[in-house]
Amino acid sequence: MAQETQMLKGLLQGCILAILSAGEMYGYIIVESLKNYGFADINEATVYPILTRLEKQGLLRYDKRPSELGPPRKYYNITDAGLNELKLFRDCWNDISGKVNTIIKEIL
């Protein structure tokens, strides 16, 4: 299970960048988007540390805006560096998933 968790964290970084490439949004909406794409077990405790890491790496930036329901919200945007990282992620994913799928089809 630990191996799955580590693998998932790396994949979620790319998925979050992809989601944000469609437009800005705040953390809760990112979590809900991931759930809508089938990551049903994902929650804020998983996503927020990834957002912080991506922001520290310069792949995302955020603006704080007032919220009617509580404290200000951070609205995240992907940076140019984030778009470059997303392209690298996409290329890497296509390469690796193609190889894994080939092995699985040939063996199973």
C-alpha atoms as a PDB file:
ATOM      1  CA  MET A   1       0.000   0.000   0.000  1.00  0.00           C
ATOM      2  CA  ALA A   2       2.888   2.426   0.730  1.00  0.00           C
ATOM      3  CA  GLN A   3       4.182   1.935  -2.806  1.00  0.00           C
ATOM      4  CA  GLU A   4       0.760   2.850  -4.212  1.00  0.00           C
ATOM      5  CA  THR A   5       0.670   5.983  -2.040  1.00  0.00           C
ATOM      6  CA  GLN A   6       4.085   7.162  -3.248  1.00  0.00           C
ATOM      7  CA  MET A   7       3.201   6.472  -6.874  1.00  0.00           C
ATOM      8  CA  LEU A   8      -0.102   8.279  -6.486  1.00  0.00           C
ATOM      9  CA  LYS A   9       1.534  11.410  -5.022  1.00  0.00           C
ATOM     10  CA  GLY A  10       3.744  11.768  -8.094  1.00  0.00           C
ATOM     11  CA  LEU A  11       0.836  11.237 -10.435  1.00  0.00           C
ATOM     12  CA  LEU A  12      -1.353  13.682  -8.530  1.00  0.00           C
ATOM     13  CA  GLN A  13       1.192  16.454  -9.074  1.00  0.00           C
ATOM     14  CA  GLY A  14       0.806  16.038 -12.820  1.00  0.00           C
ATOM     15  CA  CYS A  15      -2.967  15.743 -12.559  1.00  0.00           C
ATOM     16  CA  ILE A  16      -3.201  18.920 -10.484  1.00  0.00           C
ATOM     17  CA  LEU A  17      -1.074  20.800 -13.019  1.00  0.00           C
ATOM     18  CA  ALA A  18      -3.339  19.499 -15.793  1.00  0.00           C
ATOM     19  CA  ILE A  19      -6.493  20.561 -13.951  1.00  0.00           C
ATOM     20  CA  LEU A  20      -5.091  24.029 -13.309  1.00  0.00           C
ATOM     21  CA  SER A  21      -4.035  24.397 -16.939  1.00  0.00           C
ATOM     22  CA  ALA A  22      -7.786  24.754 -17.644  1.00  0.00           C
ATOM     23  CA  GLY A  23      -8.028  27.803 -15.360  1.00  0.00           C
ATOM     24  CA  GLU A  24      -7.596  29.087 -11.839  1.00  0.00           C
ATOM     25  CA  MET A  25      -9.358  27.481  -8.905  1.00  0.00           C
ATOM     26  CA  TYR A  26      -9.083  27.096  -5.151  1.00  0.00           C
ATOM     27  CA  GLY A  27      -8.058  23.957  -3.297  1.00  0.00           C
ATOM     28  CA  TYR A  28     -11.476  22.524  -2.519  1.00  0.00           C
ATOM     29  CA  ILE A  29     -12.487  22.727  -6.188  1.00  0.00           C
ATOM     30  CA  ILE A  30      -9.244  20.975  -7.175  1.00  0.00           C
ATOM     31  CA  VAL A  31     -10.074  18.160  -4.740  1.00  0.00           C
ATOM     32  CA  GLU A  32     -13.591  17.901  -6.148  1.00  0.00           C
ATOM     33  CA  SER A  33     -12.234  17.845  -9.708  1.00  0.00           C
ATOM     34  CA  LEU A  34      -9.917  14.959  -8.814  1.00  0.00           C
ATOM     35  CA  LYS A  35     -12.869  13.106  -7.270  1.00  0.00           C
ATOM     36  CA  ASN A  36     -14.918  13.708 -10.421  1.00  0.00           C
ATOM     37  CA  TYR A  37     -12.109  12.122 -12.446  1.00  0.00           C
ATOM     38  CA  GLY A  38     -12.269   8.987 -10.307  1.00  0.00           C
ATOM     39  CA  PHE A  39      -9.876   9.694  -7.411  1.00  0.00           C
ATOM     40  CA  ALA A  40     -12.651   9.059  -4.901  1.00  0.00           C
ATOM     41  CA  ASP A  41     -10.372   8.628  -1.867  1.00  0.00           C
ATOM     42  CA  ILE A  42      -8.529  11.919  -2.363  1.00  0.00           C
ATOM     43  CA  ASN A  43      -9.042  14.596   0.282  1.00  0.00           C
ATOM     44  CA  GLU A  44      -7.698  18.005   1.258  1.00  0.00           C
ATOM     45  CA  ALA A  45      -4.996  16.478   3.478  1.00  0.00           C
ATOM     46  CA  THR A  46      -3.482  14.888   0.378  1.00  0.00           C
ATOM     47  CA  VAL A  47      -3.904  17.800  -2.030  1.00  0.00           C
ATOM     48  CA  TYR A  48      -2.878  20.845   0.019  1.00  0.00           C
ATOM     49  CA  PRO A  49       0.710  19.670   0.676  1.00  0.00           C
ATOM     50  CA  ILE A  50       1.082  19.011  -3.062  1.00  0.00           C
ATOM     51  CA  LEU A  51      -0.195  22.513  -3.844  1.00  0.00           C
ATOM     52  CA  THR A  52       2.301  23.981  -1.381  1.00  0.00           C
ATOM     53  CA  ARG A  53       5.159  21.984  -2.899  1.00  0.00           C
ATOM     54  CA  LEU A  54       4.199  23.004  -6.449  1.00  0.00           C
ATOM     55  CA  GLU A  55       3.975  26.639  -5.364  1.00  0.00           C
ATOM     56  CA  LYS A  56       7.421  26.498  -3.702  1.00  0.00           C
ATOM     57  CA  GLN A  57       8.835  25.014  -6.916  1.00  0.00           C
ATOM     58  CA  GLY A  58       7.451  27.964  -8.872  1.00  0.00           C
ATOM     59  CA  LEU A  59       5.015  25.793 -10.833  1.00  0.00           C
ATOM     60  CA  LEU A  60       1.944  27.467  -9.315  1.00  0.00           C
ATOM     61  CA  ARG A  61       1.146  30.865  -7.877  1.00  0.00           C
ATOM     62  CA  TYR A  62      -1.881  31.962  -5.923  1.00  0.00           C
ATOM     63  CA  ASP A  63      -3.920  35.011  -5.079  1.00  0.00           C
ATOM     64  CA  LYS A  64      -5.813  35.272  -1.798  1.00  0.00           C
ATOM     65  CA  ARG A  65      -9.379  36.438  -2.158  1.00  0.00           C
ATOM     66  CA  PRO A  66     -12.136  36.989   0.385  1.00  0.00           C
ATOM     67  CA  SER A  67     -14.640  34.199   0.898  1.00  0.00           C
ATOM     68  CA  GLU A  68     -18.244  34.594   1.975  1.00  0.00           C
ATOM     69  CA  LEU A  69     -17.957  31.384   4.004  1.00  0.00           C
ATOM     70  CA  GLY A  70     -14.840  31.970   6.096  1.00  0.00           C
ATOM     71  CA  PRO A  71     -11.176  32.873   5.725  1.00  0.00           C
ATOM     72  CA  PRO A  72      -9.758  34.091   2.403  1.00  0.00           C
ATOM     73  CA  ARG A  73      -9.262  31.448  -0.279  1.00  0.00           C
ATOM     74  CA  LYS A  74      -6.116  30.811  -2.258  1.00  0.00           C
ATOM     75  CA  TYR A  75      -6.886  30.770  -5.971  1.00  0.00           C
ATOM     76  CA  TYR A  76      -4.147  28.822  -7.759  1.00  0.00           C
ATOM     77  CA  ASN A  77      -2.844  29.483 -11.257  1.00  0.00           C
ATOM     78  CA  ILE A  78      -0.311  27.496 -13.230  1.00  0.00           C
ATOM     79  CA  THR A  79       2.870  29.387 -14.171  1.00  0.00           C
ATOM     80  CA  ASP A  80       4.840  29.122 -17.413  1.00  0.00           C
ATOM     81  CA  ALA A  81       7.255  26.845 -15.561  1.00  0.00           C
ATOM     82  CA  GLY A  82       4.239  24.774 -14.488  1.00  0.00           C
ATOM     83  CA  LEU A  83       3.088  24.467 -18.101  1.00  0.00           C
ATOM     84  CA  ASN A  84       6.574  23.272 -19.067  1.00  0.00           C
ATOM     85  CA  GLU A  85       6.513  20.763 -16.206  1.00  0.00           C
ATOM     86  CA  LEU A  86       3.066  19.582 -17.332  1.00  0.00           C
ATOM     87  CA  LYS A  87       4.417  18.919 -20.826  1.00  0.00           C
ATOM     88  CA  LEU A  88       7.305  16.906 -19.347  1.00  0.00           C
ATOM     89  CA  PHE A  89       4.856  14.991 -17.152  1.00  0.00           C
ATOM     90  CA  ARG A  90       2.604  14.243 -20.132  1.00  0.00           C
ATOM     91  CA  ASP A  91       5.521  13.014 -22.252  1.00  0.00           C
ATOM     92  CA  CYS A  92       6.881  10.882 -19.403  1.00  0.00           C
ATOM     93  CA  TRP A  93       3.434   9.460 -18.617  1.00  0.00           C
ATOM     94  CA  ASN A  94       2.797   8.535 -22.248  1.00  0.00           C
ATOM     95  CA  ASP A  95       6.163   6.792 -22.448  1.00  0.00           C
ATOM     96  CA  ILE A  96       5.882   4.874 -19.180  1.00  0.00           C
ATOM     97  CA  SER A  97       2.208   3.946 -19.494  1.00  0.00           C
ATOM     98  CA  GLY A  98       2.788   2.704 -23.030  1.00  0.00           C
ATOM     99  CA  LYS A  99       5.577   0.397 -21.845  1.00  0.00           C
ATOM    100  CA  VAL A 100       3.605  -0.869 -18.857  1.00  0.00           C
ATOM    101  CA  ASN A 101       0.530  -1.521 -21.006  1.00  0.00           C
ATOM    102  CA  THR A 102       2.645  -3.430 -23.536  1.00  0.00           C
ATOM    103  CA  ILE A 103       4.090  -5.663 -20.801  1.00  0.00           C
ATOM    104  CA  ILE A 104       0.688  -6.294 -19.236  1.00  0.00           C
ATOM    105  CA  LYS A 105      -0.903  -7.144 -22.607  1.00  0.00           C
ATOM    106  CA  GLU A 106       1.899  -9.532 -23.557  1.00  0.00           C
ATOM    107  CA  ILE A 107       2.073 -11.324 -20.219  1.00  0.00           C
ATOM    108  CA  LEU A 108      -1.572 -11.380 -19.213  1.00  0.00           C
END
